[in-house]
Every structure is written in structure tokens, then in C-alpha cells.
Protein backbone atom coordinates (compact mmCIF):
# COMPACT_ATOMS: atom_id res chain seq x y z
CA UNK A 1 100.96 108.25 106.10
CA UNK A 2 100.19 111.60 108.01
CA UNK A 3 102.25 110.69 110.85
CA UNK A 4 105.09 110.19 108.57
CA UNK A 5 104.41 113.86 106.84
CA UNK A 6 104.02 115.22 110.66
CA UNK A 7 107.48 113.25 111.83
CA UNK A 8 109.32 114.74 108.62
CA UNK A 9 108.20 118.37 109.32
CA UNK A 10 109.41 118.08 112.66
CA UNK A 11 112.64 117.02 111.74
CA UNK A 12 113.19 119.37 109.43
CA UNK A 13 112.05 122.46 111.84
CA UNK A 14 114.57 120.86 114.53
CA UNK A 15 117.26 121.13 112.59
CA UNK A 16 116.40 125.19 111.10
CA UNK A 17 116.15 125.60 114.45
CA UNK A 18 119.77 124.49 114.81
CA UNK A 19 121.47 126.49 112.21
CA UNK A 20 119.32 129.39 113.09
CA UNK A 21 121.19 128.99 116.73
CA UNK A 22 124.13 128.68 115.17
CA UNK A 23 123.90 131.66 112.71
CA UNK A 24 123.21 134.14 115.75
CA UNK A 25 126.31 132.39 117.63
CA UNK A 26 128.21 133.24 114.63
CA UNK A 27 126.97 136.75 114.62
CA UNK A 28 127.26 137.27 118.78
CA UNK A 29 130.94 135.96 117.94
CA UNK A 30 131.37 138.99 116.25
CA UNK A 31 130.89 141.16 118.93
CA UNK A 32 133.15 139.01 121.22
CA UNK A 33 136.10 139.11 119.41
CA UNK A 34 136.06 142.77 120.54
CA UNK A 35 135.98 141.84 124.37
CA UNK A 36 139.00 140.69 126.25
CA UNK A 37 138.09 137.84 128.64
CA UNK A 38 138.72 139.11 132.15
CA UNK A 39 141.25 137.06 133.94
CA UNK A 40 142.80 138.61 136.75
CA UNK A 41 144.72 136.32 138.19
CA UNK A 42 143.75 132.85 137.77
CA UNK A 43 142.61 131.33 134.59
CA UNK A 44 138.53 130.30 134.66
CA UNK A 45 138.58 126.69 133.78
CA UNK A 46 135.49 125.03 132.74
CA UNK A 47 135.47 121.40 133.56
CA UNK A 48 133.09 118.81 132.04
CA UNK A 49 133.02 115.88 133.73
CA UNK A 50 131.47 113.09 131.78
CA UNK A 51 129.99 109.80 133.75
CA UNK A 52 131.82 106.69 135.03
CA UNK A 53 135.03 106.13 133.72
CA UNK A 54 134.99 109.24 132.00
CA UNK A 55 135.16 111.33 135.22
CA UNK A 56 137.33 109.07 137.13
CA UNK A 57 139.81 109.91 134.45
CA UNK A 58 139.00 113.39 134.50
CA UNK A 59 139.71 113.33 138.56
CA UNK A 60 142.86 111.59 138.16
CA UNK A 61 144.49 114.41 135.28
CA UNK A 62 142.62 117.55 137.34
CA UNK A 63 144.99 116.21 140.27
CA UNK A 64 148.11 117.61 138.95
CA UNK A 65 146.27 120.92 138.05
CA UNK A 66 147.18 123.73 140.78
CA UNK A 67 143.04 124.26 140.78
CA UNK A 68 143.85 126.56 144.11
CA UNK A 69 146.47 129.33 143.33
CA UNK A 70 146.05 129.70 139.13
CA UNK A 71 142.59 128.32 138.36
CA UNK A 72 139.32 129.30 139.16
CA UNK A 73 137.28 126.17 138.47
CA UNK A 74 133.62 125.60 136.98
CA UNK A 75 132.43 122.16 137.13
CA UNK A 76 129.87 120.98 134.77
CA UNK A 77 127.79 117.44 135.05
CA UNK A 78 125.26 115.76 133.40
CA UNK A 79 121.54 116.59 135.31
CA UNK A 80 121.11 112.73 135.53
CA UNK A 81 124.79 112.54 136.92
CA UNK A 82 124.43 111.75 140.47
CA UNK A 83 127.55 109.98 141.01
CA UNK A 84 130.11 112.51 139.23
CA UNK A 85 128.93 115.35 141.61
CA UNK A 86 129.23 112.82 144.19
CA UNK A 87 132.91 111.84 143.44
CA UNK A 88 134.12 115.14 142.96
CA UNK A 89 132.68 116.03 146.18
CA UNK A 90 134.45 113.50 147.81
CA UNK A 91 137.94 114.63 146.65
CA UNK A 92 139.84 117.18 147.95
CA UNK A 93 139.56 119.51 145.20
CA UNK A 94 138.81 123.28 145.51
CA UNK A 95 135.23 122.82 143.85
CA UNK A 96 134.00 126.12 142.53
CA UNK A 97 130.64 126.47 140.97
CA UNK A 98 128.51 122.83 139.88
CA UNK A 99 126.37 123.20 137.13
CA UNK A 100 123.68 121.11 135.52
CA UNK A 101 123.19 120.74 132.03
CA UNK A 102 121.18 118.19 130.01
CA UNK A 103 123.01 115.34 128.61
CA UNK A 104 123.57 115.57 124.36
CA UNK A 105 122.35 111.82 124.08
CA UNK A 106 122.01 109.02 126.50
CA UNK A 107 123.11 105.51 126.08
CA UNK A 108 120.10 103.82 123.93
CA UNK A 109 118.27 107.43 123.22
CA UNK A 110 116.90 107.55 119.38
CA UNK A 111 118.90 110.26 116.77
CA UNK A 112 115.78 111.62 116.70
CA UNK A 113 114.99 112.81 120.61
CA UNK A 114 118.64 113.46 120.62
CA UNK A 115 118.94 116.16 118.49
CA UNK A 116 115.75 117.60 120.65
CA UNK A 117 118.43 116.96 123.78
CA UNK A 118 121.92 118.32 122.08
CA UNK A 119 119.95 121.64 120.99
CA UNK A 120 118.70 122.21 124.28
CA UNK A 121 122.68 121.35 125.91
CA UNK A 122 123.47 123.40 122.93
CA UNK A 123 121.38 126.23 124.30
CA UNK A 124 122.39 126.00 127.90
CA UNK A 125 126.35 126.03 127.28
CA UNK A 126 126.17 128.79 125.29
CA UNK A 127 124.30 131.11 128.18
CA UNK A 128 127.34 129.26 130.20
CA UNK A 129 129.90 130.67 128.50
CA UNK A 130 127.87 133.98 128.24
CA UNK A 131 128.37 134.26 132.11
CA UNK A 132 131.10 132.92 132.71
CA UNK A 133 133.18 133.80 130.23
CA UNK A 134 136.05 130.41 130.91
CA UNK A 135 139.71 131.30 129.35
CA UNK A 136 139.75 127.24 128.43
CA UNK A 137 137.61 123.92 128.18
CA UNK A 138 139.02 121.23 129.73
CA UNK A 139 136.62 117.29 128.71
CA UNK A 140 137.12 114.14 127.85
CA UNK A 141 133.70 112.99 126.47
CA UNK A 142 131.01 112.17 126.04
CA UNK A 143 128.94 113.99 123.90
CA UNK A 144 128.41 116.70 126.18
CA UNK A 145 131.13 117.91 125.81
CA UNK A 146 130.87 119.01 121.84
CA UNK A 147 127.62 121.65 122.17
CA UNK A 148 130.88 123.24 124.99
CA UNK A 149 133.00 123.12 122.49
CA UNK A 150 131.44 124.77 119.59
CA UNK A 151 130.43 127.35 121.38
CA UNK A 152 133.66 128.19 122.60
CA UNK A 153 134.84 128.26 119.57
CA UNK A 154 132.28 130.97 119.13
CA UNK A 155 134.03 133.15 121.34
CA UNK A 156 137.31 132.33 121.30
CA UNK A 157 137.89 130.40 124.48
CA UNK A 158 141.12 127.48 124.50
CA UNK A 159 139.63 123.69 124.41
CA UNK A 160 141.23 120.65 125.46
CA UNK A 161 139.99 117.63 124.32
CA UNK A 162 141.48 114.28 126.54
CA UNK A 163 140.54 110.53 124.77
CA UNK A 164 139.45 108.11 126.75
CA UNK A 165 142.32 105.65 128.39
CA UNK A 166 139.74 102.82 126.84
CA UNK A 167 140.29 104.52 123.13
CA UNK A 168 143.38 102.28 122.39
CA UNK A 169 142.68 102.14 118.22
CA UNK A 170 140.69 103.97 116.83
CA UNK A 171 138.86 107.72 118.48
CA UNK A 172 135.72 107.88 119.74
CA UNK A 173 132.95 109.94 117.77
CA UNK A 174 133.19 113.16 120.53
CA UNK A 175 137.04 112.50 119.87
CA UNK A 176 136.83 113.03 115.95
CA UNK A 177 134.21 116.08 116.44
CA UNK A 178 136.82 117.18 118.97
CA UNK A 179 139.83 117.19 116.11
CA UNK A 180 137.95 119.09 114.27
CA UNK A 181 136.67 121.91 117.04
CA UNK A 182 139.09 121.76 119.58
CA UNK A 183 142.65 123.21 120.07
CA UNK A 184 144.26 120.50 121.22
CA UNK A 185 143.18 116.78 121.25
CA UNK A 186 145.18 114.84 124.01
CA UNK A 187 145.51 110.67 123.50
CA UNK A 188 147.05 108.41 126.12
CA UNK A 189 148.08 105.99 123.23
CA UNK A 190 150.51 106.38 120.12
CA UNK A 191 148.73 104.68 117.68
CA UNK A 192 146.31 107.00 117.90
CA UNK A 193 148.48 109.85 117.62
CA UNK A 194 150.23 108.19 114.84
CA UNK A 195 147.03 107.39 113.12
CA UNK A 196 145.20 110.51 113.57
CA UNK A 197 145.89 114.30 112.51
CA UNK A 198 145.13 116.88 115.20
CA UNK A 199 145.88 114.61 117.95
CA UNK A 200 148.75 114.65 120.78
CA UNK A 201 150.00 111.66 122.51
CA UNK A 202 150.50 112.69 126.26
CA UNK A 203 150.99 109.17 128.15
CA UNK A 204 149.13 107.31 130.73
CA UNK A 205 146.87 109.01 133.05
CA UNK A 206 145.75 106.10 135.21
């Protein structure tokens, strides 16, 4: 019984800290509204690599982007995802800084502990965006991208979420959240665009 009570108060504390963080970020947003992003000659583009198939799709997508002339690229990789960083370096991209963040929720991770890791990822994403002030964030899931999209909303950075090719009938959980957070949610199947508001059909990336 005592263990259940402690667990209850622990969960309440985590949610309180998350709410407090959101309030602080909302106040900081008012500060950022008065600050213009430093664009110079290049757009600061923050690219979030998911893992596995998500990474393959993202690398396929950015092949069509001129990362040398038009963009200053910054890549985000989960701290446990060595495969994505290796694939990124194997391709002939103009690789800028590569930063590691805590994965919001690993496969099979409990919702209790994922609350903690999501909070950590949210804090990390805030300080990364504060330091680099990206003009645009490009992501395609999984959950590691959502904290960045939330922070981007607060500091007025543009966000583009690309739904995975394997999502043919319904949006992923990240995709559903992205429809409320991101400026553009791009899908690869026309049926998804027909069934979901705030989405745009772009055709197949693969």
C-alpha cells in the first residue's frame, strides 16, 4: 500500500514538473517573439533521424535538398542509435554537427519511465533549440521528434513532419500529435491525406 502511495506521488511530481517546464517555456516564448532568427545566407535546418526505416526514409528525402548552398544542417540522433549516425556518415551529405538526445520512449518501455525520459528529451531539445535557433525542423518520427516540435512551437521555428511510408491506413501516434503541433504534416499515401486534416500528400519518397 505504501509503495502504491509513493508511486502515485512520484507520478504526480513528474507531471507537475512537466507542467512547470511548459509554463516556463511559454514565458520564454514571449522573449523569442521579439528576436529574429539569424538567417544570413543559409537556412538553419535541424534534421531529426529516427531509427531503422525512419532514418532510411529521411536520408532518401534529404538527397533532394541542397545542404551545401542553401542550408546549415544540424542532425539529431538518439543516444542509443549508433546505426543512424553510421548511415549518415556513410552517405555523401554535408554533415554538420551531430547531437545526441535521450530517446523519448524505447520499444517496450513502460509509460511510467517513458514520462521521465520524455521530460529529459524535452529539456535537451529546449537547450539545443536555444543554442542553435533553427529556422526549420525536419522530422519523420518516432517520438524523439515530438519534444523538438513542441519547443519549435514556442520559439516560432517552422516544423515539417513526414509520415512514414509504412503508414498506409492511419497516422502514427507521432503523426497524430504532429497534426496539432507542426506547420506541415506530409504523407506518402493519398488516402491518409483524404482522411486526416492538416496533412498534405507528397507521393512516395522511396
